[in-house]
Every structure is written in C-alpha cells, then in structure tokens.
Amino acid sequence: MFLKFNNKRQGSAFAFVLIAFMIVSIIGSSILFIFNNNLLQAKRQQDSMEAYYLAYSGAEMAYASLMTTETSGTFKNKYKFKRITDNNETFTENNIAYGNGKISVIAQKADEDNFENWVEITSTAVLNKNNLTYTRTLYFDPDNPVDRIWIN
C-alpha cells in the first residue's frame, strides 16, 4: 500500500513541475515582449528627434547663408535675403549630406497671409538608415532678421 501511494505522489510532482515551468515560461516571454516593445519605441523616438534636429540644422544653415554678404558679382555686399524679397528669387539646395541624413532646403518669399513679405525657409531632413522624414519651416522678417518664427 505504501508503494502505491508513493507512485501517485511522483506523478503529481511531475505535473506540478510542468505547471511551474509553463508559468515561468509565460512570465518570461511576457517580460521579453514588453522590453522589446519598449526598446523599439525608444528607438523610434530617438530617430524622430534626430530627424527633427537635422531639419532644424538645415534651416539654421540656410538662415546663416542668407545673412552673409556677397563679396563679388552684381549683388556685391547685398544680403541674399534681399534678393529673395526684392527680386523674388528662390534659393534651393538638395541632398546636403549632414550627420546621419540628407537635408533639402528652399528659401523663398513667403506667400502666407500672416508672413507677408517675410522670407520662408523650408528644411526637409531624411535619415539615411530608415528614410524617416521631418520638415521644419522658419519665417523671418527681412526688415528685422532677428524676428523669427518656427513652424513644424
């Protein structure tokens, strides 16, 4: 009688070990799933911020370029932004390799009602690794170039 009872306990121990193993496996896979999703979300956020600041840098570089005076040619010592406002010219630079991406910039006279006669700089950044794109627009007043407004 004692041997029969002992055999039943050995079978139930195996069932308990199997159930415990299944519970630990489910909890472990759930934790891995949560960590993996958290890592992917953090990576997407990092890429988005990188594209944001790449576009910001492109607009700042274009602004600095427009603020420099030319030392030769017809427009000697005239700011480039005056060529945009006075002559309605458009300056475009495409696929500028910078950092981990490329920037395309367009500087032109603004056609927005709120920014009449202002200069509009639109900068679009594309990350090399995943083609994530972000565009930022900078408006500034040619009469007071320090007066700037950013639009995302």
Protein backbone atom coordinates (compact mmCIF):
# COMPACT_ATOMS: atom_id res chain seq x y z
CA MET A 1 0.00 0.00 0.00
CA PHE A 2 2.82 2.39 0.79
CA LEU A 3 4.40 1.82 -2.62
CA LYS A 4 1.20 2.65 -4.47
CA PHE A 5 0.78 5.91 -2.58
CA ASN A 6 4.42 6.86 -3.32
CA ASN A 7 3.96 6.24 -7.07
CA LYS A 8 0.95 8.59 -7.13
CA ARG A 9 2.95 11.36 -5.44
CA GLN A 10 5.77 11.04 -8.00
CA GLY A 11 3.32 11.55 -10.86
CA SER A 12 1.77 14.60 -9.20
CA ALA A 13 5.23 16.13 -8.61
CA PHE A 14 5.91 15.93 -12.33
CA ALA A 15 2.60 17.71 -13.04
CA PHE A 16 3.48 20.49 -10.56
CA VAL A 17 6.93 20.92 -12.11
CA LEU A 18 5.38 21.06 -15.59
CA ILE A 19 2.82 23.67 -14.48
CA ALA A 20 5.52 25.75 -12.73
CA PHE A 21 7.69 25.59 -15.86
CA MET A 22 4.77 26.76 -18.02
CA ILE A 23 4.04 29.68 -15.67
CA VAL A 24 7.70 30.76 -15.63
CA SER A 25 7.84 30.48 -19.43
CA ILE A 26 4.73 32.63 -19.88
CA ILE A 27 6.00 35.29 -17.47
CA GLY A 28 9.46 35.27 -19.09
CA SER A 29 8.12 35.62 -22.61
CA SER A 30 5.78 38.42 -21.48
CA ILE A 31 8.70 40.32 -19.95
CA LEU A 32 10.76 39.86 -23.13
CA PHE A 33 7.84 41.11 -25.24
CA ILE A 34 7.41 44.22 -23.06
CA PHE A 35 11.15 45.00 -23.09
CA ASN A 36 11.35 44.54 -26.86
CA ASN A 37 8.40 46.90 -27.46
CA ASN A 38 9.91 49.45 -25.08
CA LEU A 39 13.22 49.28 -26.94
CA LEU A 40 11.52 49.73 -30.34
CA GLN A 41 9.51 52.70 -29.05
CA ALA A 42 12.65 54.35 -27.66
CA LYS A 43 14.45 53.79 -30.97
CA ARG A 44 11.56 55.34 -32.96
CA GLN A 45 11.56 58.33 -30.62
CA GLN A 46 15.33 58.74 -30.99
CA ASP A 47 15.08 58.59 -34.80
CA SER A 48 12.23 61.12 -34.78
CA MET A 49 14.26 63.53 -32.65
CA GLU A 50 17.29 63.05 -34.88
CA ALA A 51 15.25 63.92 -37.99
CA TYR A 52 13.69 66.91 -36.17
CA TYR A 53 17.05 68.40 -35.26
CA LEU A 54 18.53 67.60 -38.66
CA ALA A 55 15.75 69.65 -40.29
CA TYR A 56 16.32 72.39 -37.70
CA SER A 57 20.03 72.45 -38.56
CA GLY A 58 19.26 72.74 -42.26
CA ALA A 59 17.05 75.78 -41.70
CA GLU A 60 19.67 77.36 -39.43
CA MET A 61 22.40 76.79 -42.04
CA ALA A 62 20.22 78.36 -44.73
CA TYR A 63 19.45 81.32 -42.45
CA ALA A 64 23.17 81.86 -41.80
CA SER A 65 23.86 81.64 -45.53
CA LEU A 66 21.19 84.23 -46.31
CA MET A 67 22.58 86.59 -43.67
CA THR A 68 26.08 86.68 -45.17
CA THR A 69 27.02 89.40 -47.60
CA GLU A 70 28.30 88.60 -51.05
CA THR A 71 31.72 89.95 -51.95
CA SER A 72 31.53 89.68 -55.72
CA GLY A 73 29.12 89.82 -58.61
CA THR A 74 26.16 92.06 -59.31
CA PHE A 75 24.84 91.90 -55.76
CA LYS A 76 28.09 92.89 -54.07
CA ASN A 77 27.63 93.49 -50.32
CA LYS A 78 23.91 92.83 -50.55
CA TYR A 79 22.28 90.26 -48.32
CA LYS A 80 20.94 87.23 -50.16
CA PHE A 81 17.59 87.54 -48.42
CA LYS A 82 17.18 90.95 -50.10
CA ARG A 83 17.48 89.16 -53.44
CA ILE A 84 14.57 87.00 -52.34
CA THR A 85 12.37 89.88 -51.21
CA ASP A 86 13.34 92.44 -53.88
CA ASN A 87 13.77 90.16 -56.91
CA ASN A 88 11.51 87.29 -55.82
CA GLU A 89 14.39 84.81 -56.25
CA THR A 90 14.32 81.31 -54.80
CA PHE A 91 17.37 79.51 -53.43
CA THR A 92 17.32 75.72 -53.37
CA GLU A 93 19.84 73.17 -52.15
CA ASN A 94 19.01 69.46 -52.34
CA ASN A 95 20.51 66.37 -50.71
CA ILE A 96 23.05 68.08 -48.47
CA ALA A 97 24.81 65.24 -46.64
CA TYR A 98 24.88 66.17 -42.97
CA GLY A 99 25.15 63.95 -39.92
CA ASN A 100 23.18 60.73 -40.41
CA GLY A 101 20.98 62.04 -43.17
CA LYS A 102 20.37 64.45 -46.02
CA ILE A 103 18.81 67.88 -45.96
CA SER A 104 16.95 69.75 -48.69
CA VAL A 105 16.37 73.48 -48.21
CA ILE A 106 14.23 76.03 -50.06
CA ALA A 107 14.43 79.76 -49.27
CA GLN A 108 11.82 81.99 -50.88
CA LYS A 109 9.48 84.87 -50.30
CA ALA A 110 6.65 83.78 -48.03
CA ASP A 111 3.20 83.53 -49.55
CA GLU A 112 1.40 83.14 -46.22
CA ASP A 113 -1.01 85.92 -45.25
CA ASN A 114 0.45 86.18 -41.74
CA PHE A 115 4.01 86.49 -43.06
CA GLU A 116 3.60 88.87 -46.00
CA ASN A 117 6.98 89.99 -47.39
CA TRP A 118 8.83 87.72 -44.98
CA VAL A 119 11.38 85.11 -46.02
CA GLU A 120 10.37 81.45 -45.70
CA ILE A 121 13.00 78.73 -45.26
CA THR A 122 11.69 75.18 -45.55
CA SER A 123 14.09 72.45 -44.50
CA THR A 124 13.34 68.76 -45.03
CA ALA A 125 15.57 66.12 -43.46
CA VAL A 126 15.66 62.43 -44.39
CA LEU A 127 17.53 59.93 -42.22
CA ASN A 128 19.81 57.53 -44.09
CA LYS A 129 19.02 54.44 -42.03
CA ASN A 130 15.22 54.36 -42.29
CA ASN A 131 14.16 57.24 -44.59
CA LEU A 132 12.30 58.95 -41.75
CA THR A 133 11.41 62.47 -42.95
CA TYR A 134 10.82 65.64 -40.96
CA THR A 135 10.15 69.18 -42.23
CA ARG A 136 10.60 72.46 -40.37
CA THR A 137 9.83 75.93 -41.64
CA LEU A 138 11.45 79.15 -40.48
CA TYR A 139 9.98 82.57 -41.24
CA PHE A 140 11.91 85.77 -40.64
CA ASP A 141 11.28 89.44 -41.29
CA PRO A 142 13.84 90.91 -43.71
CA ASP A 143 13.44 94.34 -42.07
CA ASN A 144 14.32 92.80 -38.69
CA PRO A 145 16.02 89.42 -39.34
CA VAL A 146 16.19 88.65 -35.64
CA ASP A 147 12.38 88.40 -35.63
CA ARG A 148 11.98 84.67 -36.42
CA ILE A 149 9.08 82.23 -36.15
CA TRP A 150 9.37 78.44 -36.38
CA ILE A 151 6.60 76.26 -37.80
CA ASN A 152 6.85 72.47 -37.54
